[in-house]
Amino acid sequence: QTDDGVMVAHGLTQEELAQLVGASRETVNKALADFASRGWIRLEARAVLIADVERLRRRAR
């Protein structure tokens, strides 16, 4: 937990994330870029800062 949100250090490439969720790297890349452009997350080197946890929860439903 930080002042800006929740930092999730995962150590994975987008290709590895895609394999874990059963999607293409391109799909994962587009989804992460979309979430980042909406201000829900911030992408870091092998980590993601979740800036809007509640918004992501609602999106997951």
PDB file of N, CA and C in Angstrom:
ATOM      1  N   GLN A   1       0.856  -1.180   0.000  1.00  0.00           N
ATOM      2  CA  GLN A   1       0.000   0.000   0.000  1.00  0.00           C
ATOM      3  C   GLN A   1       0.895   1.234   0.000  1.00  0.00           C
ATOM      4  N   THR A   2       0.589   2.167  -0.896  1.00  0.00           N
ATOM      5  CA  THR A   2       1.299   3.442  -0.951  1.00  0.00           C
ATOM      6  C   THR A   2       0.264   4.565  -0.900  1.00  0.00           C
ATOM      7  N   ASP A   3       0.740   5.797  -0.871  1.00  0.00           N
ATOM      8  CA  ASP A   3      -0.181   6.939  -0.904  1.00  0.00           C
ATOM      9  C   ASP A   3      -0.954   6.994  -2.216  1.00  0.00           C
ATOM     10  N   ASP A   4      -0.368   6.437  -3.283  1.00  0.00           N
ATOM     11  CA  ASP A   4      -0.988   6.476  -4.610  1.00  0.00           C
ATOM     12  C   ASP A   4      -1.882   5.288  -4.904  1.00  0.00           C
ATOM     13  N   GLY A   5      -1.801   4.229  -4.106  1.00  0.00           N
ATOM     14  CA  GLY A   5      -2.601   3.033  -4.358  1.00  0.00           C
ATOM     15  C   GLY A   5      -1.915   1.785  -3.846  1.00  0.00           C
ATOM     16  N   VAL A   6      -2.221   0.675  -4.482  1.00  0.00           N
ATOM     17  CA  VAL A   6      -1.660  -0.618  -4.085  1.00  0.00           C
ATOM     18  C   VAL A   6      -0.642  -1.047  -5.134  1.00  0.00           C
ATOM     19  N   MET A   7       0.613  -1.240  -4.708  1.00  0.00           N
ATOM     20  CA  MET A   7       1.666  -1.668  -5.621  1.00  0.00           C
ATOM     21  C   MET A   7       1.727  -3.189  -5.625  1.00  0.00           C
ATOM     22  N   VAL A   8       1.620  -3.766  -6.827  1.00  0.00           N
ATOM     23  CA  VAL A   8       1.706  -5.217  -6.988  1.00  0.00           C
ATOM     24  C   VAL A   8       2.956  -5.506  -7.814  1.00  0.00           C
ATOM     25  N   ALA A   9       4.007  -5.965  -7.140  1.00  0.00           N
ATOM     26  CA  ALA A   9       5.243  -6.344  -7.832  1.00  0.00           C
ATOM     27  C   ALA A   9       5.098  -7.804  -8.229  1.00  0.00           C
ATOM     28  N   HIS A  10       5.100  -8.069  -9.536  1.00  0.00           N
ATOM     29  CA  HIS A  10       4.822  -9.429  -9.997  1.00  0.00           C
ATOM     30  C   HIS A  10       6.000 -10.086 -10.695  1.00  0.00           C
ATOM     31  N   GLY A  11       6.944  -9.337 -11.195  1.00  0.00           N
ATOM     32  CA  GLY A  11       8.115  -9.916 -11.829  1.00  0.00           C
ATOM     33  C   GLY A  11       7.849 -10.679 -13.113  1.00  0.00           C
ATOM     34  N   LEU A  12       6.697 -10.430 -13.750  1.00  0.00           N
ATOM     35  CA  LEU A  12       6.319 -11.169 -14.957  1.00  0.00           C
ATOM     36  C   LEU A  12       6.341 -10.261 -16.181  1.00  0.00           C
ATOM     37  N   THR A  13       6.634 -10.845 -17.322  1.00  0.00           N
ATOM     38  CA  THR A  13       6.495 -10.119 -18.584  1.00  0.00           C
ATOM     39  C   THR A  13       5.024 -10.148 -18.998  1.00  0.00           C
ATOM     40  N   GLN A  14       4.661  -9.319 -19.963  1.00  0.00           N
ATOM     41  CA  GLN A  14       3.286  -9.361 -20.462  1.00  0.00           C
ATOM     42  C   GLN A  14       2.994 -10.699 -21.128  1.00  0.00           C
ATOM     43  N   GLU A  15       3.985 -11.299 -21.738  1.00  0.00           N
ATOM     44  CA  GLU A  15       3.810 -12.629 -22.334  1.00  0.00           C
ATOM     45  C   GLU A  15       3.475 -13.657 -21.254  1.00  0.00           C
ATOM     46  N   GLU A  16       4.184 -13.601 -20.133  1.00  0.00           N
ATOM     47  CA  GLU A  16       3.919 -14.530 -19.028  1.00  0.00           C
ATOM     48  C   GLU A  16       2.546 -14.275 -18.411  1.00  0.00           C
ATOM     49  N   LEU A  17       2.175 -13.012 -18.253  1.00  0.00           N
ATOM     50  CA  LEU A  17       0.833 -12.686 -17.755  1.00  0.00           C
ATOM     51  C   LEU A  17      -0.231 -13.243 -18.690  1.00  0.00           C
ATOM     52  N   ALA A  18      -0.014 -13.086 -19.984  1.00  0.00           N
ATOM     53  CA  ALA A  18      -0.969 -13.583 -20.975  1.00  0.00           C
ATOM     54  C   ALA A  18      -1.133 -15.093 -20.865  1.00  0.00           C
ATOM     55  N   GLN A  19      -0.032 -15.804 -20.708  1.00  0.00           N
ATOM     56  CA  GLN A  19      -0.102 -17.258 -20.567  1.00  0.00           C
ATOM     57  C   GLN A  19      -0.887 -17.650 -19.316  1.00  0.00           C
ATOM     58  N   LEU A  20      -0.707 -16.910 -18.236  1.00  0.00           N
ATOM     59  CA  LEU A  20      -1.413 -17.214 -16.985  1.00  0.00           C
ATOM     60  C   LEU A  20      -2.922 -17.045 -17.105  1.00  0.00           C
ATOM     61  N   VAL A  21      -3.353 -16.061 -17.886  1.00  0.00           N
ATOM     62  CA  VAL A  21      -4.795 -15.801 -18.004  1.00  0.00           C
ATOM     63  C   VAL A  21      -5.403 -16.386 -19.271  1.00  0.00           C
ATOM     64  N   GLY A  22      -4.590 -17.039 -20.079  1.00  0.00           N
ATOM     65  CA  GLY A  22      -5.108 -17.678 -21.289  1.00  0.00           C
ATOM     66  C   GLY A  22      -5.481 -16.696 -22.383  1.00  0.00           C
ATOM     67  N   ALA A  23      -4.693 -15.638 -22.512  1.00  0.00           N
ATOM     68  CA  ALA A  23      -4.946 -14.619 -23.533  1.00  0.00           C
ATOM     69  C   ALA A  23      -3.664 -14.383 -24.323  1.00  0.00           C
ATOM     70  N   SER A  24      -3.792 -13.623 -25.396  1.00  0.00           N
ATOM     71  CA  SER A  24      -2.596 -13.266 -26.160  1.00  0.00           C
ATOM     72  C   SER A  24      -1.890 -12.097 -25.474  1.00  0.00           C
ATOM     73  N   ARG A  25      -0.611 -11.944 -25.766  1.00  0.00           N
ATOM     74  CA  ARG A  25       0.141 -10.827 -25.218  1.00  0.00           C
ATOM     75  C   ARG A  25      -0.469  -9.506 -25.685  1.00  0.00           C
ATOM     76  N   GLU A  26      -0.937  -9.485 -26.928  1.00  0.00           N
ATOM     77  CA  GLU A  26      -1.540  -8.276 -27.479  1.00  0.00           C
ATOM     78  C   GLU A  26      -2.797  -7.877 -26.704  1.00  0.00           C
ATOM     79  N   THR A  27      -3.620  -8.862 -26.348  1.00  0.00           N
ATOM     80  CA  THR A  27      -4.842  -8.587 -25.585  1.00  0.00           C
ATOM     81  C   THR A  27      -4.503  -8.048 -24.204  1.00  0.00           C
ATOM     82  N   VAL A  28      -3.531  -8.655 -23.549  1.00  0.00           N
ATOM     83  CA  VAL A  28      -3.096  -8.185 -22.228  1.00  0.00           C
ATOM     84  C   VAL A  28      -2.544  -6.770 -22.343  1.00  0.00           C
ATOM     85  N   ASN A  29      -1.730  -6.522 -23.352  1.00  0.00           N
ATOM     86  CA  ASN A  29      -1.150  -5.203 -23.562  1.00  0.00           C
ATOM     87  C   ASN A  29      -2.235  -4.152 -23.753  1.00  0.00           C
ATOM     88  N   LYS A  30      -3.232  -4.444 -24.577  1.00  0.00           N
ATOM     89  CA  LYS A  30      -4.327  -3.495 -24.830  1.00  0.00           C
ATOM     90  C   LYS A  30      -5.144  -3.238 -23.571  1.00  0.00           C
ATOM     91  N   ALA A  31      -5.429  -4.291 -22.803  1.00  0.00           N
ATOM     92  CA  ALA A  31      -6.209  -4.128 -21.574  1.00  0.00           C
ATOM     93  C   ALA A  31      -5.449  -3.282 -20.559  1.00  0.00           C
ATOM     94  N   LEU A  32      -4.166  -3.569 -20.373  1.00  0.00           N
ATOM     95  CA  LEU A  32      -3.364  -2.793 -19.423  1.00  0.00           C
ATOM     96  C   LEU A  32      -3.255  -1.337 -19.867  1.00  0.00           C
ATOM     97  N   ALA A  33      -3.057  -1.110 -21.155  1.00  0.00           N
ATOM     98  CA  ALA A  33      -2.971   0.259 -21.672  1.00  0.00           C
ATOM     99  C   ALA A  33      -4.295   0.996 -21.483  1.00  0.00           C
ATOM    100  N   ASP A  34      -5.414   0.303 -21.698  1.00  0.00           N
ATOM    101  CA  ASP A  34      -6.734   0.904 -21.502  1.00  0.00           C
ATOM    102  C   ASP A  34      -6.938   1.284 -20.041  1.00  0.00           C
ATOM    103  N   PHE A  35      -6.620   0.362 -19.135  1.00  0.00           N
ATOM    104  CA  PHE A  35      -6.773   0.642 -17.705  1.00  0.00           C
ATOM    105  C   PHE A  35      -5.876   1.811 -17.286  1.00  0.00           C
ATOM    106  N   ALA A  36      -4.664   1.852 -17.826  1.00  0.00           N
ATOM    107  CA  ALA A  36      -3.735   2.937 -17.493  1.00  0.00           C
ATOM    108  C   ALA A  36      -4.259   4.276 -18.016  1.00  0.00           C
ATOM    109  N   SER A  37      -4.801   4.292 -19.228  1.00  0.00           N
ATOM    110  CA  SER A  37      -5.311   5.549 -19.797  1.00  0.00           C
ATOM    111  C   SER A  37      -6.514   6.068 -19.018  1.00  0.00           C
ATOM    112  N   ARG A  38      -7.245   5.179 -18.380  1.00  0.00           N
ATOM    113  CA  ARG A  38      -8.394   5.577 -17.559  1.00  0.00           C
ATOM    114  C   ARG A  38      -7.978   6.010 -16.150  1.00  0.00           C
ATOM    115  N   GLY A  39      -6.690   5.816 -15.813  1.00  0.00           N
ATOM    116  CA  GLY A  39      -6.191   6.202 -14.500  1.00  0.00           C
ATOM    117  C   GLY A  39      -6.426   5.162 -13.427  1.00  0.00           C
ATOM    118  N   TRP A  40      -6.842   3.969 -13.822  1.00  0.00           N
ATOM    119  CA  TRP A  40      -7.115   2.911 -12.846  1.00  0.00           C
ATOM    120  C   TRP A  40      -5.833   2.267 -12.348  1.00  0.00           C
ATOM    121  N   ILE A  41      -4.820   2.181 -13.226  1.00  0.00           N
ATOM    122  CA  ILE A  41      -3.539   1.577 -12.871  1.00  0.00           C
ATOM    123  C   ILE A  41      -2.412   2.441 -13.421  1.00  0.00           C
ATOM    124  N   ARG A  42      -1.211   2.195 -12.919  1.00  0.00           N
ATOM    125  CA  ARG A  42       0.001   2.774 -13.495  1.00  0.00           C
ATOM    126  C   ARG A  42       0.986   1.631 -13.674  1.00  0.00           C
ATOM    127  N   LEU A  43       1.503   1.490 -14.881  1.00  0.00           N
ATOM    128  CA  LEU A  43       2.422   0.401 -15.179  1.00  0.00           C
ATOM    129  C   LEU A  43       3.840   0.794 -14.795  1.00  0.00           C
ATOM    130  N   GLU A  44       4.492  -0.080 -14.082  1.00  0.00           N
ATOM    131  CA  GLU A  44       5.884   0.091 -13.684  1.00  0.00           C
ATOM    132  C   GLU A  44       6.658  -1.103 -14.236  1.00  0.00           C
ATOM    133  N   ALA A  45       7.961  -1.105 -14.100  1.00  0.00           N
ATOM    134  CA  ALA A  45       8.769  -2.238 -14.560  1.00  0.00           C
ATOM    135  C   ALA A  45       8.428  -3.470 -13.718  1.00  0.00           C
ATOM    136  N   ARG A  46       7.755  -4.427 -14.333  1.00  0.00           N
ATOM    137  CA  ARG A  46       7.347  -5.685 -13.690  1.00  0.00           C
ATOM    138  C   ARG A  46       6.568  -5.466 -12.393  1.00  0.00           C
ATOM    139  N   ALA A  47       5.770  -4.420 -12.409  1.00  0.00           N
ATOM    140  CA  ALA A  47       4.881  -4.121 -11.293  1.00  0.00           C
ATOM    141  C   ALA A  47       3.726  -3.281 -11.824  1.00  0.00           C
ATOM    142  N   VAL A  48       2.644  -3.291 -11.077  1.00  0.00           N
ATOM    143  CA  VAL A  48       1.477  -2.477 -11.421  1.00  0.00           C
ATOM    144  C   VAL A  48       1.036  -1.751 -10.160  1.00  0.00           C
ATOM    145  N   LEU A  49       0.836  -0.451 -10.271  1.00  0.00           N
ATOM    146  CA  LEU A  49       0.259   0.318  -9.180  1.00  0.00           C
ATOM    147  C   LEU A  49      -1.234   0.411  -9.454  1.00  0.00           C
ATOM    148  N   ILE A  50      -2.032  -0.137  -8.564  1.00  0.00           N
ATOM    149  CA  ILE A  50      -3.484  -0.063  -8.707  1.00  0.00           C
ATOM    150  C   ILE A  50      -3.932   1.223  -8.022  1.00  0.00           C
ATOM    151  N   ALA A  51      -4.285   2.200  -8.834  1.00  0.00           N
ATOM    152  CA  ALA A  51      -4.643   3.519  -8.320  1.00  0.00           C
ATOM    153  C   ALA A  51      -6.112   3.602  -7.927  1.00  0.00           C
ATOM    154  N   ASP A  52      -6.962   2.800  -8.550  1.00  0.00           N
ATOM    155  CA  ASP A  52      -8.402   2.841  -8.284  1.00  0.00           C
ATOM    156  C   ASP A  52      -8.917   1.410  -8.094  1.00  0.00           C
ATOM    157  N   VAL A  53      -8.729   0.891  -6.896  1.00  0.00           N
ATOM    158  CA  VAL A  53      -9.091  -0.497  -6.588  1.00  0.00           C
ATOM    159  C   VAL A  53     -10.580  -0.733  -6.789  1.00  0.00           C
ATOM    160  N   GLU A  54     -11.405   0.182  -6.330  1.00  0.00           N
ATOM    161  CA  GLU A  54     -12.857  -0.005  -6.427  1.00  0.00           C
ATOM    162  C   GLU A  54     -13.317  -0.052  -7.880  1.00  0.00           C
ATOM    163  N   ARG A  55     -12.757   0.782  -8.709  1.00  0.00           N
ATOM    164  CA  ARG A  55     -13.130   0.796 -10.127  1.00  0.00           C
ATOM    165  C   ARG A  55     -12.768  -0.540 -10.783  1.00  0.00           C
ATOM    166  N   LEU A  56     -11.605  -1.082 -10.471  1.00  0.00           N
ATOM    167  CA  LEU A  56     -11.212  -2.383 -11.023  1.00  0.00           C
ATOM    168  C   LEU A  56     -12.120  -3.494 -10.503  1.00  0.00           C
ATOM    169  N   ARG A  57     -12.534  -3.399  -9.244  1.00  0.00           N
ATOM    170  CA  ARG A  57     -13.478  -4.393  -8.698  1.00  0.00           C
ATOM    171  C   ARG A  57     -14.780  -4.375  -9.489  1.00  0.00           C
ATOM    172  N   ARG A  58     -15.294  -3.178  -9.733  1.00  0.00           N
ATOM    173  CA  ARG A  58     -16.546  -3.065 -10.497  1.00  0.00           C
ATOM    174  C   ARG A  58     -16.371  -3.583 -11.918  1.00  0.00           C
ATOM    175  N   ARG A  59     -15.236  -3.321 -12.525  1.00  0.00           N
ATOM    176  CA  ARG A  59     -14.964  -3.782 -13.897  1.00  0.00           C
ATOM    177  C   ARG A  59     -14.882  -5.303 -13.958  1.00  0.00           C
ATOM    178  N   ALA A  60     -14.413  -5.925 -12.893  1.00  0.00           N
ATOM    179  CA  ALA A  60     -14.249  -7.383 -12.861  1.00  0.00           C
ATOM    180  C   ALA A  60     -15.590  -8.109 -12.763  1.00  0.00           C
ATOM    181  N   ARG A  61     -16.620  -7.434 -12.338  1.00  0.00           N
ATOM    182  CA  ARG A  61     -17.932  -8.078 -12.165  1.00  0.00           C
ATOM    183  C   ARG A  61     -18.712  -8.132 -13.427  1.00  0.00           C
TER     184      ARG A  61
END
